[in-house]
């Protein structure tokens, strides 16, 4: 796995600490235990979007954060969560948005 994903897997939980992408980053068929994922991250106006899709295997507890930028809101599948990182159980297709600027 490329270092800009900051991936760590302890046998139970996948943790990603993503560097802000200068271009779209994607990985297909990354294996963590028995689970196979597709990952994609890209900059968008006002934030960073991370898409994750489970292609095979059991649901996988996942934590995602971004490094080096101040995040003011995190949305997981369009639902706001507390704090500056996303924690959820990946089971199908998911989208995490890290909002970095407030709309005025």
Protein backbone atom coordinates (compact mmCIF):
# COMPACT_ATOMS: atom_id res chain seq x y z
CA UNK A 1 0.00 0.00 0.00
CA UNK A 2 1.42 3.43 -0.92
CA UNK A 3 2.55 5.52 2.07
CA UNK A 4 0.18 8.43 1.32
CA UNK A 5 -2.68 6.24 2.55
CA UNK A 6 -1.07 5.79 6.00
CA UNK A 7 -2.65 2.34 6.31
CA UNK A 8 -2.37 0.25 9.45
CA UNK A 9 -4.18 -3.04 10.05
CA UNK A 10 -4.04 -4.74 13.44
CA UNK A 11 -5.89 -7.89 12.41
CA UNK A 12 -9.24 -6.39 13.35
CA UNK A 13 -9.46 -2.68 12.43
CA UNK A 14 -8.23 -0.84 9.34
CA UNK A 15 -6.87 2.64 10.11
CA UNK A 16 -6.15 5.09 7.31
CA UNK A 17 -4.36 8.39 7.92
CA UNK A 18 -4.46 9.96 4.48
CA UNK A 19 -2.16 12.70 3.23
CA UNK A 20 -4.12 15.35 1.30
CA UNK A 21 -4.07 14.13 -2.31
CA UNK A 22 -2.72 16.43 -5.02
CA UNK A 23 -4.52 14.22 -7.55
CA UNK A 24 -7.00 11.36 -7.33
CA UNK A 25 -5.49 8.38 -5.53
CA UNK A 26 -7.00 4.94 -5.98
CA UNK A 27 -6.22 1.36 -5.11
CA UNK A 28 -8.14 -1.65 -6.31
CA UNK A 29 -8.41 -4.94 -4.46
CA UNK A 30 -6.42 -4.08 -1.33
CA UNK A 31 -6.60 -7.01 1.08
CA UNK A 32 -6.92 -6.59 4.84
CA UNK A 33 -7.41 -9.97 6.47
CA UNK A 34 -10.25 -11.70 4.60
CA UNK A 35 -11.72 -8.42 3.31
CA UNK A 36 -10.88 -6.96 -0.12
CA UNK A 37 -11.46 -3.22 -0.67
CA UNK A 38 -11.33 -0.63 -3.40
CA UNK A 39 -10.20 2.81 -2.15
CA UNK A 40 -10.28 6.23 -3.78
CA UNK A 41 -9.44 9.68 -2.41
CA UNK A 42 -9.63 13.06 -4.11
CA UNK A 43 -9.60 16.76 -3.36
CA UNK A 44 -12.84 18.61 -3.97
CA UNK A 45 -13.70 22.25 -3.44
CA UNK A 46 -13.96 22.61 0.32
CA UNK A 47 -12.66 19.20 1.28
CA UNK A 48 -11.43 15.69 0.67
CA UNK A 49 -13.65 12.78 -0.34
CA UNK A 50 -12.72 9.16 0.37
CA UNK A 51 -14.71 6.36 -1.25
CA UNK A 52 -14.42 2.82 0.03
CA UNK A 53 -16.05 -0.29 -1.38
CA UNK A 54 -15.97 -3.78 0.08
CA UNK A 55 -15.54 -6.17 -2.84
CA UNK A 56 -15.26 -9.43 -0.93
CA UNK A 57 -15.26 -10.69 2.62
CA UNK A 58 -16.73 -9.79 5.97
CA UNK A 59 -17.49 -6.25 7.20
CA UNK A 60 -14.37 -4.43 8.37
CA UNK A 61 -14.17 -1.90 11.23
CA UNK A 62 -12.54 1.17 9.67
CA UNK A 63 -11.17 4.50 10.90
CA UNK A 64 -10.19 7.24 8.47
CA UNK A 65 -8.49 10.56 9.20
CA UNK A 66 -6.60 13.10 7.12
CA UNK A 67 -3.21 14.51 8.01
CA UNK A 68 -1.81 18.02 7.75
CA UNK A 69 -5.07 19.96 7.35
CA UNK A 70 -7.69 21.26 9.75
CA UNK A 71 -11.02 19.47 9.36
CA UNK A 72 -14.15 21.14 10.77
CA UNK A 73 -16.76 18.50 9.84
CA UNK A 74 -16.80 14.83 8.84
CA UNK A 75 -19.65 13.15 6.98
CA UNK A 76 -19.98 9.37 6.62
CA UNK A 77 -22.48 8.42 3.94
CA UNK A 78 -23.86 12.00 4.21
CA UNK A 79 -24.36 11.74 7.99
CA UNK A 80 -22.39 14.11 10.24
CA UNK A 81 -20.19 12.47 12.88
CA UNK A 82 -18.48 13.91 15.94
CA UNK A 83 -14.79 14.74 15.81
CA UNK A 84 -12.30 14.95 12.97
CA UNK A 85 -12.13 11.30 11.95
CA UNK A 86 -14.58 8.75 10.61
CA UNK A 87 -15.16 5.45 12.42
CA UNK A 88 -17.59 2.93 10.92
CA UNK A 89 -17.96 -0.68 9.86
CA UNK A 90 -17.31 -0.96 6.13
CA UNK A 91 -19.73 -3.41 4.60
CA UNK A 92 -20.62 -2.17 1.09
CA UNK A 93 -20.01 1.18 -0.63
CA UNK A 94 -19.21 4.15 1.60
CA UNK A 95 -18.24 7.79 1.11
CA UNK A 96 -16.49 9.89 3.72
CA UNK A 97 -16.22 13.65 3.30
CA UNK A 98 -13.74 15.75 5.26
CA UNK A 99 -14.89 19.37 5.06
CA UNK A 100 -12.04 21.82 5.46
CA UNK A 101 -13.70 25.20 4.90
CA UNK A 102 -16.90 26.61 6.32
CA UNK A 103 -19.54 28.00 3.99
CA UNK A 104 -20.36 31.58 4.86
